[in-house]
Amino acid sequence: MITADNIVKIYQGNVKALDGVSFSIEQGEVCGYLGANGAGKSTTIKILCGMLLPSSGGAHINGIDVLEHPNEVKRSIGYVPESGALFLSLSPYDFLEFVCRMYDIGKEVYDHRIHS
């Protein structure tokens, strides 16, 4: 389940990207998040993923508070950003190491898996 509760995001210069966004998506539901460029879609998703802090409000993913436990949330979800430019700069080994470290797989284990 995904819950957004009155999320507000104000950027530098008093630019309000989100103004009280609230919604709930139940387990098994499929949802589309539509809006014009600059409407706050990416900002909302980044807040839900724990990549960006809201100015106020909160969110939960599977009952986990995104603000209090962002790393636990990141371990339970997948997110493909608009631009995967980071991955273009990594070697295949570095990319695999990055993914393994995200999932707390120990170095001995991922070294063995990568080189097998």
N, C-alpha and C. Protein backbone atom coordinates (compact mmCIF):
# COMPACT_ATOMS: atom_id res chain seq x y z
N MET A 1 0.84 -1.17 0.00
CA MET A 1 0.00 0.00 0.00
C MET A 1 0.89 1.25 0.00
N ILE A 2 0.45 2.25 -0.72
CA ILE A 2 1.15 3.54 -0.78
C ILE A 2 0.19 4.61 -0.29
N THR A 3 0.64 5.41 0.66
CA THR A 3 -0.19 6.49 1.19
C THR A 3 0.60 7.79 1.19
N ALA A 4 0.04 8.80 0.59
CA ALA A 4 0.59 10.17 0.64
C ALA A 4 -0.38 10.99 1.47
N ASP A 5 0.15 11.72 2.45
CA ASP A 5 -0.72 12.46 3.36
C ASP A 5 -0.35 13.94 3.38
N ASN A 6 -1.09 14.72 2.61
CA ASN A 6 -0.97 16.18 2.62
C ASN A 6 0.48 16.65 2.37
N ILE A 7 1.10 16.08 1.32
CA ILE A 7 2.50 16.40 1.02
C ILE A 7 2.60 17.78 0.36
N VAL A 8 3.48 18.58 0.93
CA VAL A 8 3.79 19.91 0.40
C VAL A 8 5.30 19.93 0.14
N LYS A 9 5.68 20.48 -1.00
CA LYS A 9 7.10 20.68 -1.29
C LYS A 9 7.29 22.08 -1.84
N ILE A 10 8.11 22.85 -1.13
CA ILE A 10 8.44 24.21 -1.54
C ILE A 10 9.94 24.27 -1.78
N TYR A 11 10.31 24.61 -3.00
CA TYR A 11 11.72 24.74 -3.36
C TYR A 11 12.22 26.14 -3.06
N GLN A 12 13.53 26.31 -3.17
CA GLN A 12 14.16 27.61 -2.96
C GLN A 12 13.47 28.66 -3.84
N GLY A 13 13.33 29.84 -3.32
CA GLY A 13 12.65 30.92 -4.05
C GLY A 13 11.14 30.85 -3.88
N ASN A 14 10.69 30.09 -2.87
CA ASN A 14 9.26 29.95 -2.56
C ASN A 14 8.46 29.35 -3.72
N VAL A 15 9.09 28.45 -4.49
CA VAL A 15 8.42 27.77 -5.59
C VAL A 15 7.72 26.54 -5.03
N LYS A 16 6.40 26.54 -5.09
CA LYS A 16 5.61 25.44 -4.53
C LYS A 16 5.38 24.39 -5.61
N ALA A 17 6.03 23.23 -5.45
CA ALA A 17 5.89 22.14 -6.41
C ALA A 17 4.69 21.25 -6.08
N LEU A 18 4.43 21.07 -4.79
CA LEU A 18 3.29 20.26 -4.33
C LEU A 18 2.54 21.04 -3.26
N ASP A 19 1.24 20.97 -3.33
CA ASP A 19 0.41 21.74 -2.39
C ASP A 19 -0.67 20.85 -1.80
N GLY A 20 -0.28 20.02 -0.83
CA GLY A 20 -1.26 19.20 -0.12
C GLY A 20 -1.70 17.97 -0.90
N VAL A 21 -0.76 17.24 -1.47
CA VAL A 21 -1.08 16.03 -2.24
C VAL A 21 -1.38 14.87 -1.28
N SER A 22 -2.54 14.27 -1.45
CA SER A 22 -2.95 13.12 -0.64
C SER A 22 -3.60 12.08 -1.53
N PHE A 23 -3.23 10.83 -1.31
CA PHE A 23 -3.89 9.71 -2.01
C PHE A 23 -3.48 8.42 -1.33
N SER A 24 -4.20 7.36 -1.66
CA SER A 24 -3.90 6.04 -1.13
C SER A 24 -4.07 5.04 -2.25
N ILE A 25 -3.12 4.14 -2.40
CA ILE A 25 -3.19 3.08 -3.39
C ILE A 25 -3.11 1.77 -2.62
N GLU A 26 -4.15 0.97 -2.72
CA GLU A 26 -4.22 -0.29 -1.98
C GLU A 26 -3.43 -1.38 -2.68
N GLN A 27 -3.07 -2.40 -1.92
CA GLN A 27 -2.35 -3.53 -2.48
C GLN A 27 -3.14 -4.13 -3.64
N GLY A 28 -2.47 -4.37 -4.75
CA GLY A 28 -3.11 -4.96 -5.93
C GLY A 28 -3.71 -3.96 -6.89
N GLU A 29 -3.85 -2.72 -6.48
CA GLU A 29 -4.38 -1.69 -7.38
C GLU A 29 -3.28 -1.23 -8.34
N VAL A 30 -3.71 -0.81 -9.52
CA VAL A 30 -2.80 -0.22 -10.50
C VAL A 30 -3.20 1.23 -10.63
N CYS A 31 -2.20 2.11 -10.64
CA CYS A 31 -2.48 3.54 -10.64
C CYS A 31 -1.62 4.24 -11.67
N GLY A 32 -2.19 5.22 -12.36
CA GLY A 32 -1.44 6.10 -13.23
C GLY A 32 -1.39 7.47 -12.59
N TYR A 33 -0.25 8.12 -12.68
CA TYR A 33 -0.08 9.44 -12.06
C TYR A 33 0.20 10.42 -13.20
N LEU A 34 -0.81 11.13 -13.63
CA LEU A 34 -0.75 11.97 -14.81
C LEU A 34 -0.76 13.45 -14.46
N GLY A 35 -0.13 14.23 -15.32
CA GLY A 35 -0.14 15.68 -15.14
C GLY A 35 0.79 16.34 -16.13
N ALA A 36 0.61 17.61 -16.30
CA ALA A 36 1.44 18.38 -17.23
C ALA A 36 2.87 18.45 -16.71
N ASN A 37 3.80 18.81 -17.60
CA ASN A 37 5.18 19.05 -17.18
C ASN A 37 5.18 20.10 -16.08
N GLY A 38 5.94 19.83 -15.03
CA GLY A 38 6.03 20.78 -13.92
C GLY A 38 4.91 20.66 -12.91
N ALA A 39 4.05 19.65 -13.05
CA ALA A 39 2.92 19.50 -12.14
C ALA A 39 3.30 18.90 -10.79
N GLY A 40 4.50 18.30 -10.71
CA GLY A 40 4.95 17.74 -9.44
C GLY A 40 4.98 16.22 -9.39
N LYS A 41 4.81 15.56 -10.52
CA LYS A 41 4.80 14.10 -10.53
C LYS A 41 6.13 13.52 -10.05
N SER A 42 7.22 13.97 -10.63
CA SER A 42 8.54 13.45 -10.24
C SER A 42 8.87 13.81 -8.80
N THR A 43 8.50 14.99 -8.37
CA THR A 43 8.73 15.41 -6.98
C THR A 43 7.99 14.47 -6.04
N THR A 44 6.74 14.15 -6.35
CA THR A 44 5.96 13.24 -5.51
C THR A 44 6.64 11.88 -5.43
N ILE A 45 7.03 11.34 -6.58
CA ILE A 45 7.66 10.01 -6.59
C ILE A 45 8.97 10.02 -5.82
N LYS A 46 9.76 11.05 -5.96
CA LYS A 46 11.03 11.14 -5.22
C LYS A 46 10.80 11.21 -3.71
N ILE A 47 9.74 11.86 -3.30
CA ILE A 47 9.40 11.90 -1.87
C ILE A 47 8.96 10.52 -1.41
N LEU A 48 8.13 9.84 -2.21
CA LEU A 48 7.66 8.51 -1.85
C LEU A 48 8.82 7.51 -1.76
N CYS A 49 9.85 7.72 -2.56
CA CYS A 49 11.01 6.82 -2.56
C CYS A 49 12.04 7.18 -1.50
N GLY A 50 11.84 8.28 -0.80
CA GLY A 50 12.79 8.71 0.22
C GLY A 50 14.01 9.41 -0.34
N MET A 51 13.92 9.87 -1.58
CA MET A 51 15.04 10.56 -2.21
C MET A 51 15.01 12.06 -1.97
N LEU A 52 13.86 12.57 -1.56
CA LEU A 52 13.65 13.99 -1.38
C LEU A 52 12.75 14.18 -0.17
N LEU A 53 13.06 15.14 0.66
CA LEU A 53 12.23 15.41 1.84
C LEU A 53 11.11 16.38 1.48
N PRO A 54 9.90 16.13 1.99
CA PRO A 54 8.83 17.10 1.78
C PRO A 54 9.01 18.29 2.70
N SER A 55 8.42 19.41 2.36
CA SER A 55 8.41 20.56 3.26
C SER A 55 7.47 20.29 4.43
N SER A 56 6.39 19.57 4.15
CA SER A 56 5.48 19.10 5.20
C SER A 56 4.68 17.94 4.64
N GLY A 57 3.97 17.26 5.52
CA GLY A 57 3.21 16.08 5.13
C GLY A 57 4.06 14.84 5.29
N GLY A 58 3.53 13.73 4.85
CA GLY A 58 4.25 12.47 5.01
C GLY A 58 3.77 11.41 4.04
N ALA A 59 4.42 10.25 4.11
CA ALA A 59 4.08 9.15 3.23
C ALA A 59 4.46 7.83 3.88
N HIS A 60 3.74 6.80 3.51
CA HIS A 60 4.03 5.44 3.97
C HIS A 60 4.01 4.50 2.78
N ILE A 61 4.95 3.57 2.76
CA ILE A 61 5.00 2.51 1.77
C ILE A 61 4.91 1.20 2.53
N ASN A 62 3.87 0.43 2.27
CA ASN A 62 3.65 -0.84 2.99
C ASN A 62 3.72 -0.65 4.51
N GLY A 63 3.17 0.46 4.98
CA GLY A 63 3.13 0.75 6.41
C GLY A 63 4.41 1.33 6.98
N ILE A 64 5.44 1.50 6.15
CA ILE A 64 6.72 2.05 6.61
C ILE A 64 6.73 3.55 6.36
N ASP A 65 7.03 4.32 7.39
CA ASP A 65 7.10 5.77 7.28
C ASP A 65 8.34 6.15 6.47
N VAL A 66 8.12 6.82 5.35
CA VAL A 66 9.21 7.18 4.44
C VAL A 66 10.20 8.15 5.09
N LEU A 67 9.72 9.05 5.93
CA LEU A 67 10.60 10.02 6.57
C LEU A 67 11.43 9.39 7.69
N GLU A 68 10.83 8.47 8.44
CA GLU A 68 11.53 7.86 9.56
C GLU A 68 12.45 6.70 9.15
N HIS A 69 12.08 5.98 8.08
CA HIS A 69 12.82 4.78 7.69
C HIS A 69 13.05 4.74 6.17
N PRO A 70 13.71 5.76 5.61
CA PRO A 70 13.86 5.81 4.15
C PRO A 70 14.66 4.63 3.58
N ASN A 71 15.65 4.14 4.30
CA ASN A 71 16.43 3.02 3.78
C ASN A 71 15.62 1.73 3.72
N GLU A 72 14.76 1.53 4.71
CA GLU A 72 13.88 0.35 4.71
C GLU A 72 12.91 0.43 3.53
N VAL A 73 12.40 1.62 3.25
CA VAL A 73 11.51 1.80 2.10
C VAL A 73 12.26 1.48 0.82
N LYS A 74 13.47 2.00 0.68
CA LYS A 74 14.26 1.80 -0.54
C LYS A 74 14.55 0.32 -0.78
N ARG A 75 14.67 -0.46 0.28
CA ARG A 75 14.92 -1.89 0.13
C ARG A 75 13.69 -2.64 -0.37
N SER A 76 12.51 -2.05 -0.21
CA SER A 76 11.28 -2.77 -0.55
C SER A 76 10.65 -2.32 -1.86
N ILE A 77 11.23 -1.33 -2.53
CA ILE A 77 10.63 -0.83 -3.77
C ILE A 77 11.66 -0.78 -4.88
N GLY A 78 11.19 -0.59 -6.08
CA GLY A 78 12.06 -0.36 -7.23
C GLY A 78 11.65 0.96 -7.86
N TYR A 79 12.62 1.69 -8.34
CA TYR A 79 12.34 2.99 -8.96
C TYR A 79 13.28 3.18 -10.14
N VAL A 80 12.73 3.45 -11.30
CA VAL A 80 13.53 3.76 -12.48
C VAL A 80 13.32 5.24 -12.78
N PRO A 81 14.35 6.05 -12.57
CA PRO A 81 14.19 7.50 -12.78
C PRO A 81 14.08 7.84 -14.27
N GLU A 82 13.66 9.08 -14.51
CA GLU A 82 13.53 9.56 -15.89
C GLU A 82 14.83 9.40 -16.64
N SER A 83 15.92 9.69 -15.99
CA SER A 83 17.23 9.61 -16.62
C SER A 83 18.09 8.64 -15.84
N GLY A 84 18.58 7.62 -16.53
CA GLY A 84 19.46 6.65 -15.89
C GLY A 84 20.92 6.99 -16.13
N ALA A 85 21.25 8.27 -16.23
CA ALA A 85 22.60 8.70 -16.59
C ALA A 85 23.67 8.15 -15.65
N LEU A 86 23.35 7.98 -14.38
CA LEU A 86 24.32 7.42 -13.44
C LEU A 86 24.81 6.07 -13.92
N PHE A 87 23.89 5.24 -14.39
CA PHE A 87 24.24 3.88 -14.77
C PHE A 87 25.11 3.84 -16.02
N LEU A 88 25.01 4.84 -16.87
CA LEU A 88 25.84 4.90 -18.07
C LEU A 88 27.29 5.14 -17.73
N SER A 89 27.56 5.72 -16.56
CA SER A 89 28.94 6.03 -16.16
C SER A 89 29.58 4.90 -15.36
N LEU A 90 28.83 3.85 -15.04
CA LEU A 90 29.36 2.74 -14.24
C LEU A 90 29.80 1.59 -15.14
N SER A 91 30.87 0.91 -14.72
CA SER A 91 31.26 -0.32 -15.41
C SER A 91 30.22 -1.39 -15.04
N PRO A 92 30.17 -2.49 -15.80
CA PRO A 92 29.23 -3.57 -15.44
C PRO A 92 29.45 -4.06 -14.01
N TYR A 93 30.71 -4.23 -13.59
CA TYR A 93 30.98 -4.67 -12.22
C TYR A 93 30.47 -3.65 -11.22
N ASP A 94 30.77 -2.36 -11.44
CA ASP A 94 30.33 -1.30 -10.52
C ASP A 94 28.81 -1.27 -10.40
N PHE A 95 28.12 -1.47 -11.52
CA PHE A 95 26.66 -1.48 -11.49
C PHE A 95 26.15 -2.65 -10.65
N LEU A 96 26.69 -3.85 -10.89
CA LEU A 96 26.26 -5.02 -10.12
C LEU A 96 26.59 -4.85 -8.64
N GLU A 97 27.75 -4.29 -8.34
CA GLU A 97 28.13 -4.04 -6.95
C GLU A 97 27.14 -3.04 -6.31
N PHE A 98 26.81 -2.00 -7.04
CA PHE A 98 25.86 -1.00 -6.55
C PHE A 98 24.53 -1.65 -6.18
N VAL A 99 24.00 -2.48 -7.08
CA VAL A 99 22.71 -3.14 -6.82
C VAL A 99 22.81 -4.07 -5.62
N CYS A 100 23.89 -4.84 -5.55
CA CYS A 100 24.06 -5.76 -4.41
C CYS A 100 24.15 -5.01 -3.09
N ARG A 101 24.86 -3.90 -3.08
CA ARG A 101 24.99 -3.12 -1.85
C ARG A 101 23.66 -2.50 -1.44
N MET A 102 22.84 -2.13 -2.43
CA MET A 102 21.51 -1.58 -2.11
C MET A 102 20.67 -2.61 -1.35
N TYR A 103 20.86 -3.88 -1.68
CA TYR A 103 20.09 -4.94 -1.05
C TYR A 103 20.85 -5.61 0.10
N ASP A 104 21.89 -4.94 0.60
CA ASP A 104 22.67 -5.43 1.75
C ASP A 104 23.24 -6.83 1.55
N ILE A 105 23.66 -7.13 0.32
CA ILE A 105 24.32 -8.40 0.06
C ILE A 105 25.81 -8.21 0.37
N GLY A 106 26.37 -9.09 1.16
CA GLY A 106 27.76 -8.96 1.59
C GLY A 106 28.75 -9.05 0.43
N LYS A 107 29.91 -8.42 0.61
CA LYS A 107 30.93 -8.36 -0.45
C LYS A 107 31.38 -9.74 -0.90
N GLU A 108 31.62 -10.66 0.04
CA GLU A 108 32.02 -12.01 -0.34
C GLU A 108 30.97 -12.68 -1.22
N VAL A 109 29.72 -12.49 -0.87
CA VAL A 109 28.63 -13.12 -1.62
C VAL A 109 28.54 -12.51 -3.02
N TYR A 110 28.52 -11.17 -3.13
CA TYR A 110 28.35 -10.60 -4.46
C TYR A 110 29.60 -10.76 -5.31
N ASP A 111 30.79 -10.74 -4.72
CA ASP A 111 32.00 -11.01 -5.51
C ASP A 111 31.92 -12.40 -6.13
N HIS A 112 31.51 -13.39 -5.32
CA HIS A 112 31.38 -14.76 -5.81
C HIS A 112 30.32 -14.83 -6.92
N ARG A 113 29.17 -14.20 -6.71
CA ARG A 113 28.09 -14.25 -7.70
C ARG A 113 28.48 -13.55 -9.00
N ILE A 114 29.14 -12.43 -8.90
CA ILE A 114 29.52 -11.66 -10.10
C ILE A 114 30.58 -12.41 -10.90
N HIS A 115 31.52 -13.03 -10.22
CA HIS A 115 32.63 -13.68 -10.92
C HIS A 115 32.36 -15.13 -11.27
N SER A 116 31.20 -15.67 -10.90
CA SER A 116 30.87 -17.08 -11.22
C SER A 116 30.26 -17.22 -12.59
